[in-house]
C-alpha atoms as a PDB file:
ATOM      1  CA  MET A   1       2.314  49.085  21.432  1.00  0.00           C
ATOM      2  CA  GLY A   2       2.280  48.285  17.727  1.00  0.00           C
ATOM      3  CA  GLY A   3       5.515  46.319  18.022  1.00  0.00           C
ATOM      4  CA  ARG A   4       4.103  44.235  20.870  1.00  0.00           C
ATOM      5  CA  ALA A   5       0.950  43.459  18.863  1.00  0.00           C
ATOM      6  CA  ARG A   6       3.017  42.386  15.851  1.00  0.00           C
ATOM      7  CA  SER A   7       5.215  40.148  17.995  1.00  0.00           C
ATOM      8  CA  CYS A   8       2.142  38.544  19.587  1.00  0.00           C
ATOM      9  CA  GLY A   9       0.684  37.972  16.126  1.00  0.00           C
ATOM     10  CA  ALA A  10       3.917  36.347  14.993  1.00  0.00           C
ATOM     11  CA  VAL A  11       3.893  34.016  18.010  1.00  0.00           C
ATOM     12  CA  ILE A  12       0.293  33.000  17.283  1.00  0.00           C
ATOM     13  CA  LEU A  13       1.063  32.313  13.613  1.00  0.00           C
ATOM     14  CA  LEU A  14       4.119  30.281  14.592  1.00  0.00           C
ATOM     15  CA  ALA A  15       2.043  28.230  17.036  1.00  0.00           C
ATOM     16  CA  ILE A  16      -0.568  27.550  14.337  1.00  0.00           C
ATOM     17  CA  PHE A  17       2.143  26.574  11.864  1.00  0.00           C
ATOM     18  CA  CYS A  18       3.798  24.210  14.345  1.00  0.00           C
ATOM     19  CA  SER A  19       0.498  22.580  15.301  1.00  0.00           C
ATOM     20  CA  CYS A  20      -0.388  21.934  11.639  1.00  0.00           C
ATOM     21  CA  ARG A  21       3.001  20.683  10.568  1.00  0.00           C
ATOM     22  CA  GLY A  22       3.002  16.894  10.362  1.00  0.00           C
ATOM     23  CA  VAL A  23       5.513  14.166   9.696  1.00  0.00           C
ATOM     24  CA  THR A  24       5.636  11.323   7.216  1.00  0.00           C
ATOM     25  CA  LEU A  25       5.233   8.104   9.150  1.00  0.00           C
ATOM     26  CA  GLU A  26       6.841   4.802   8.271  1.00  0.00           C
ATOM     27  CA  SER A  27       4.922   2.974   5.555  1.00  0.00           C
ATOM     28  CA  ILE A  28       2.848  -0.063   6.484  1.00  0.00           C
ATOM     29  CA  HIS A  29       3.553  -3.005   4.195  1.00  0.00           C
ATOM     30  CA  TRP A  30       0.314  -4.938   3.873  1.00  0.00           C
ATOM     31  CA  SER A  31       1.803  -8.407   3.781  1.00  0.00           C
ATOM     32  CA  CYS A  32       1.405 -11.563   5.840  1.00  0.00           C
ATOM     33  CA  SER A  33       5.187 -11.491   6.319  1.00  0.00           C
ATOM     34  CA  ASN A  34       5.013  -8.169   8.181  1.00  0.00           C
ATOM     35  CA  ALA A  35       5.970  -9.041  11.762  1.00  0.00           C
ATOM     36  CA  LYS A  36       4.440  -5.778  13.042  1.00  0.00           C
ATOM     37  CA  PHE A  37       1.015  -7.410  12.915  1.00  0.00           C
ATOM     38  CA  THR A  38       0.967  -8.882  16.422  1.00  0.00           C
ATOM     39  CA  PRO A  39      -0.958 -12.187  16.715  1.00  0.00           C
ATOM     40  CA  GLY A  40      -4.387 -11.585  18.223  1.00  0.00           C
ATOM     41  CA  GLN A  41      -3.987  -7.814  18.232  1.00  0.00           C
ATOM     42  CA  GLY A  42      -2.706  -6.506  14.920  1.00  0.00           C
ATOM     43  CA  LEU A  43      -0.975  -3.136  14.869  1.00  0.00           C
ATOM     44  CA  VAL A  44      -1.865   0.028  16.809  1.00  0.00           C
ATOM     45  CA  LEU A  45      -0.524   3.418  15.694  1.00  0.00           C
ATOM     46  CA  TYR A  46      -0.877   6.943  17.055  1.00  0.00           C
ATOM     47  CA  PRO A  47      -0.810   9.370  14.097  1.00  0.00           C
ATOM     48  CA  GLN A  48      -1.262  13.079  14.775  1.00  0.00           C
ATOM     49  CA  ILE A  49      -3.276  15.578  12.751  1.00  0.00           C
ATOM     50  CA  GLY A  50      -1.101  16.681   9.830  1.00  0.00           C
ATOM     51  CA  ASP A  51       0.812  13.400   9.535  1.00  0.00           C
ATOM     52  CA  LYS A  52       0.975  11.287   6.383  1.00  0.00           C
ATOM     53  CA  MET A  53       1.300   7.529   6.031  1.00  0.00           C
ATOM     54  CA  ASP A  54       1.263   4.986   3.204  1.00  0.00           C
ATOM     55  CA  ILE A  55      -0.201   1.503   3.165  1.00  0.00           C
ATOM     56  CA  VAL A  56       1.790  -0.359   0.538  1.00  0.00           C
ATOM     57  CA  CYS A  57       0.696  -3.448  -1.355  1.00  0.00           C
ATOM     58  CA  PRO A  58       3.096  -6.390  -1.319  1.00  0.00           C
ATOM     59  CA  ARG A  59       5.159  -6.800  -4.458  1.00  0.00           C
ATOM     60  CA  ALA A  60       6.246 -10.229  -5.636  1.00  0.00           C
ATOM     61  CA  ASP A  61       9.984 -10.767  -5.985  1.00  0.00           C
ATOM     62  CA  PRO A  62      10.939 -14.271  -7.129  1.00  0.00           C
ATOM     63  CA  SER A  63      14.633 -13.551  -6.573  1.00  0.00           C
ATOM     64  CA  SER A  64      14.056 -13.027  -2.845  1.00  0.00           C
ATOM     65  CA  GLY A  65      11.421 -15.721  -2.493  1.00  0.00           C
ATOM     66  CA  ARG A  66       8.500 -13.299  -2.120  1.00  0.00           C
ATOM     67  CA  THR A  67       5.400 -14.907  -3.560  1.00  0.00           C
ATOM     68  CA  GLU A  68       2.338 -13.128  -4.902  1.00  0.00           C
ATOM     69  CA  GLU A  69      -0.195 -11.844  -2.373  1.00  0.00           C
ATOM     70  CA  PHE A  70      -3.634 -10.389  -3.135  1.00  0.00           C
ATOM     71  CA  TYR A  71      -5.693  -8.221  -0.782  1.00  0.00           C
ATOM     72  CA  LYS A  72      -8.548  -5.781  -0.591  1.00  0.00           C
ATOM     73  CA  VAL A  73      -7.995  -3.378   2.306  1.00  0.00           C
ATOM     74  CA  TYR A  74     -10.992  -1.693   3.958  1.00  0.00           C
ATOM     75  CA  LEU A  75     -11.731   1.112   6.388  1.00  0.00           C
ATOM     76  CA  VAL A  76     -14.216  -0.594   8.720  1.00  0.00           C
ATOM     77  CA  THR A  77     -16.100  -0.137  11.970  1.00  0.00           C
ATOM     78  CA  LYS A  78     -14.817  -1.530  15.249  1.00  0.00           C
ATOM     79  CA  SER A  79     -17.405  -4.318  15.205  1.00  0.00           C
ATOM     80  CA  GLN A  80     -16.439  -5.284  11.650  1.00  0.00           C
ATOM     81  CA  MET A  81     -12.786  -5.518  12.632  1.00  0.00           C
ATOM     82  CA  GLU A  82     -13.562  -7.566  15.725  1.00  0.00           C
ATOM     83  CA  SER A  83     -15.736  -9.977  13.742  1.00  0.00           C
ATOM     84  CA  CYS A  84     -13.418  -9.901  10.708  1.00  0.00           C
ATOM     85  CA  GLY A  85     -16.267  -9.289   8.297  1.00  0.00           C
ATOM     86  CA  VAL A  86     -17.087  -6.767   5.586  1.00  0.00           C
ATOM     87  CA  ASP A  87     -20.100  -6.240   3.345  1.00  0.00           C
ATOM     88  CA  LYS A  88     -19.985  -6.879  -0.373  1.00  0.00           C
ATOM     89  CA  THR A  89     -21.121  -3.291  -0.916  1.00  0.00           C
ATOM     90  CA  ASP A  90     -18.139  -1.844   1.012  1.00  0.00           C
ATOM     91  CA  THR A  91     -15.591  -0.015  -1.129  1.00  0.00           C
ATOM     92  CA  PRO A  92     -11.950  -0.942  -0.474  1.00  0.00           C
ATOM     93  CA  LEU A  93      -9.381   1.745   0.270  1.00  0.00           C
ATOM     94  CA  LEU A  94      -6.745  -0.270  -1.501  1.00  0.00           C
ATOM     95  CA  ASN A  95      -6.917  -3.055  -4.058  1.00  0.00           C
ATOM     96  CA  CYS A  96      -3.740  -5.133  -4.045  1.00  0.00           C
ATOM     97  CA  ASP A  97      -4.298  -7.188  -7.185  1.00  0.00           C
ATOM     98  CA  LYS A  98      -1.186  -6.232  -9.195  1.00  0.00           C
ATOM     99  CA  PRO A  99       1.769  -7.838  -7.405  1.00  0.00           C
ATOM    100  CA  ASP A 100       4.114  -6.838 -10.231  1.00  0.00           C
ATOM    101  CA  GLN A 101       3.456  -3.109  -9.690  1.00  0.00           C
ATOM    102  CA  ASP A 102       4.006  -0.537  -6.937  1.00  0.00           C
ATOM    103  CA  VAL A 103       0.578   0.226  -5.461  1.00  0.00           C
ATOM    104  CA  LYS A 104      -0.169   2.189  -2.295  1.00  0.00           C
ATOM    105  CA  PHE A 105      -2.780   4.258  -0.495  1.00  0.00           C
ATOM    106  CA  THR A 106      -1.720   7.481   1.225  1.00  0.00           C
ATOM    107  CA  PHE A 107      -3.408   8.645   4.397  1.00  0.00           C
ATOM    108  CA  LYS A 108      -3.302  12.330   5.153  1.00  0.00           C
ATOM    109  CA  PHE A 109      -4.588  12.796   8.669  1.00  0.00           C
ATOM    110  CA  GLN A 110      -6.593  15.990   8.345  1.00  0.00           C
ATOM    111  CA  GLU A 111      -9.779  17.155  10.002  1.00  0.00           C
ATOM    112  CA  PHE A 112     -11.030  18.832   6.829  1.00  0.00           C
ATOM    113  CA  SER A 113     -10.389  17.640   3.282  1.00  0.00           C
ATOM    114  CA  PRO A 114     -10.617  19.935   0.244  1.00  0.00           C
ATOM    115  CA  ASN A 115     -11.426  16.825  -1.779  1.00  0.00           C
ATOM    116  CA  LEU A 116     -15.097  15.862  -1.809  1.00  0.00           C
ATOM    117  CA  TRP A 117     -14.179  12.179  -1.485  1.00  0.00           C
ATOM    118  CA  GLY A 118     -11.175  12.707   0.781  1.00  0.00           C
ATOM    119  CA  LEU A 119     -11.004  11.099   4.214  1.00  0.00           C
ATOM    120  CA  GLU A 120     -11.384  13.258   7.308  1.00  0.00           C
ATOM    121  CA  PHE A 121     -10.134  12.299  10.759  1.00  0.00           C
ATOM    122  CA  LEU A 122     -11.248  13.620  14.124  1.00  0.00           C
ATOM    123  CA  LYS A 123      -8.712  14.062  16.890  1.00  0.00           C
ATOM    124  CA  GLY A 124      -9.246  11.600  19.717  1.00  0.00           C
ATOM    125  CA  ARG A 125     -11.118   9.046  17.622  1.00  0.00           C
ATOM    126  CA  ASP A 126     -10.082   5.526  16.598  1.00  0.00           C
ATOM    127  CA  TYR A 127     -10.186   4.234  13.009  1.00  0.00           C
ATOM    128  CA  TYR A 128      -9.957   0.614  11.889  1.00  0.00           C
ATOM    129  CA  ILE A 129      -8.341  -0.947   8.819  1.00  0.00           C
ATOM    130  CA  THR A 130      -8.383  -4.614   7.867  1.00  0.00           C
ATOM    131  CA  SER A 131      -8.629  -7.147   5.058  1.00  0.00           C
ATOM    132  CA  THR A 132     -10.761 -10.269   4.838  1.00  0.00           C
ATOM    133  CA  SER A 133      -9.037 -11.546   1.707  1.00  0.00           C
ATOM    134  CA  THR A 134      -7.192 -14.824   2.112  1.00  0.00           C
ATOM    135  CA  GLY A 135      -4.000 -13.706   0.371  1.00  0.00           C
ATOM    136  CA  SER A 136      -4.598 -15.671  -2.813  1.00  0.00           C
ATOM    137  CA  MET A 137      -6.144 -14.409  -6.041  1.00  0.00           C
ATOM    138  CA  ARG A 138      -9.072 -16.779  -5.545  1.00  0.00           C
ATOM    139  CA  GLY A 139      -9.724 -15.374  -2.070  1.00  0.00           C
ATOM    140  CA  LEU A 140      -9.388 -11.680  -3.028  1.00  0.00           C
ATOM    141  CA  ASP A 141     -13.128 -11.016  -2.670  1.00  0.00           C
ATOM    142  CA  ASN A 142     -13.587 -13.043   0.492  1.00  0.00           C
ATOM    143  CA  THR A 143     -15.754 -11.110   3.003  1.00  0.00           C
ATOM    144  CA  ARG A 144     -15.416 -13.195   6.177  1.00  0.00           C
ATOM    145  CA  GLY A 145     -12.354 -14.172   8.184  1.00  0.00           C
ATOM    146  CA  GLY A 146      -9.386 -14.148   5.836  1.00  0.00           C
ATOM    147  CA  VAL A 147      -6.063 -12.693   6.969  1.00  0.00           C
ATOM    148  CA  CYS A 148      -7.890 -10.516   9.486  1.00  0.00           C
ATOM    149  CA  ARG A 149      -8.484 -13.687  11.471  1.00  0.00           C
ATOM    150  CA  THR A 150      -5.624 -15.965  10.446  1.00  0.00           C
ATOM    151  CA  LYS A 151      -2.793 -13.395  10.400  1.00  0.00           C
ATOM    152  CA  SER A 152      -4.214 -10.571  12.580  1.00  0.00           C
ATOM    153  CA  MET A 153      -3.754  -8.168   9.670  1.00  0.00           C
ATOM    154  CA  LYS A 154      -5.681  -5.316  11.220  1.00  0.00           C
ATOM    155  CA  LEU A 155      -4.644  -1.773  11.952  1.00  0.00           C
ATOM    156  CA  VAL A 156      -5.991   0.599  14.605  1.00  0.00           C
ATOM    157  CA  LEU A 157      -5.295   4.310  14.054  1.00  0.00           C
ATOM    158  CA  ARG A 158      -5.686   6.312  17.264  1.00  0.00           C
ATOM    159  CA  VAL A 159      -5.646   9.773  15.775  1.00  0.00           C
ATOM    160  CA  GLY A 160      -4.333  12.655  17.863  1.00  0.00           C
ATOM    161  CA  GLN A 161      -3.751  10.395  20.858  1.00  0.00           C
ATOM    162  CA  SER A 162      -0.753   8.991  22.700  1.00  0.00           C
ATOM    163  CA  LYS A 163      -0.063   5.707  24.446  1.00  0.00           C
ATOM    164  CA  GLN A 164      -0.075   7.480  27.814  1.00  0.00           C
ATOM    165  CA  HIS A 165      -3.502   9.036  27.125  1.00  0.00           C
ATOM    166  CA  VAL A 166      -5.007   5.685  26.138  1.00  0.00           C
ATOM    167  CA  PHE A 167      -3.501   3.997  29.223  1.00  0.00           C
ATOM    168  CA  ILE A 168      -4.983   6.644  31.566  1.00  0.00           C
ATOM    169  CA  LEU A 169      -8.453   6.328  30.010  1.00  0.00           C
ATOM    170  CA  ALA A 170      -8.352   2.522  30.214  1.00  0.00           C
ATOM    171  CA  PHE A 171      -7.214   2.638  33.852  1.00  0.00           C
ATOM    172  CA  MET A 172      -9.852   5.181  34.910  1.00  0.00           C
ATOM    173  CA  ASP A 173     -12.512   3.251  33.007  1.00  0.00           C
ATOM    174  CA  LYS A 174     -11.701   0.138  35.025  1.00  0.00           C
ATOM    175  CA  VAL A 175     -11.673   2.029  38.347  1.00  0.00           C
ATOM    176  CA  VAL A 176     -15.004   3.806  37.774  1.00  0.00           C
ATOM    177  CA  HIS A 177     -16.724   0.748  36.311  1.00  0.00           C
ATOM    178  CA  THR A 178     -15.621  -1.391  39.283  1.00  0.00           C
ATOM    179  CA  ASN A 179     -16.658   1.190  41.882  1.00  0.00           C
ATOM    180  CA  ILE A 180     -20.084   1.762  40.348  1.00  0.00           C
ATOM    181  CA  HIS A 181     -20.943  -1.948  40.314  1.00  0.00           C
ATOM    182  CA  LYS A 182     -19.428  -2.574  43.729  1.00  0.00           C
ATOM    183  CA  ARG A 183     -21.144   0.331  45.471  1.00  0.00           C
ATOM    184  CA  LYS A 184     -24.208   0.552  43.224  1.00  0.00           C
ATOM    185  CA  ASP A 185     -24.099   4.302  43.767  1.00  0.00           C
ATOM    186  CA  PRO A 186     -25.441   6.433  40.849  1.00  0.00           C
ATOM    187  CA  ASP A 187     -24.233   9.577  42.644  1.00  0.00           C
ATOM    188  CA  LEU A 188     -20.627   8.419  42.430  1.00  0.00           C
ATOM    189  CA  CYS A 189     -20.197  10.366  39.206  1.00  0.00           C
ATOM    190  CA  SER A 190     -20.911  13.676  40.888  1.00  0.00           C
ATOM    191  CA  ARG A 191     -18.086  13.115  43.353  1.00  0.00           C
ATOM    192  CA  THR A 192     -15.350  11.912  41.008  1.00  0.00           C
ATOM    193  CA  ASN A 193     -12.743  13.942  39.199  1.00  0.00           C
ATOM    194  CA  LYS A 194     -13.119  15.138  35.606  1.00  0.00           C
ATOM    195  CA  TRP A 195     -11.591  11.953  34.083  1.00  0.00           C
ATOM    196  CA  GLN A 196     -13.998   9.782  36.028  1.00  0.00           C
ATOM    197  CA  GLN A 197     -16.964  12.030  35.203  1.00  0.00           C
ATOM    198  CA  LEU A 198     -16.229  11.650  31.507  1.00  0.00           C
ATOM    199  CA  LEU A 199     -16.137   7.866  31.765  1.00  0.00           C
ATOM    200  CA  CYS A 200     -19.086   7.735  34.161  1.00  0.00           C
ATOM    201  CA  SER A 201     -21.369   9.306  31.586  1.00  0.00           C
ATOM    202  CA  GLU A 202     -20.616   6.400  29.224  1.00  0.00           C
ATOM    203  CA  ARG A 203     -20.467   3.492  31.678  1.00  0.00           C
ATOM    204  CA  LEU A 204     -23.075   4.174  34.369  1.00  0.00           C
ATOM    205  CA  TYR A 205     -26.017   2.701  32.507  1.00  0.00           C
ATOM    206  CA  GLU A 206     -24.307  -0.219  30.759  1.00  0.00           C
END
């Protein structure tokens, strides 16, 4: 009996260890030359709890033709990213104003931070990163438009999610939203499956 209990305890500890163990994701180079920023969309990533990732400032390299770039990078709301605007009182995550030095910001995707000022991320939630600087030293403090609009330099972090999960939610959202407006039936939610019920609660009264 004691041996079985110990083995069960070991399995539970192993499961906890595996679920907390993260990976170091590929660094994101915050530069207008980064082709991963898709025009009109930016870049969407799916980090898991426990992962780490760096956002790296661009470094000038005259020998390779890399010119100086200057950015302030912010953690923003969805509406701020969509409008490409930040407030002057917002504090940047990363200040890329030293193109001759290696500068980066490291994300550790954790739900609880031991650091009072550390970032905390909730599984299943989206987070938005962008810059409204223009890329030049003169436009470093720009708060509207900038490379967010001209170069689609914006990053969406879908923490603890997967592409398949996001696709299913988007598909079910479209189905439920269409059916509700077509049938004008408030009781539809009570007859749908659990995915539709979840989305119904958010969409029924839009």
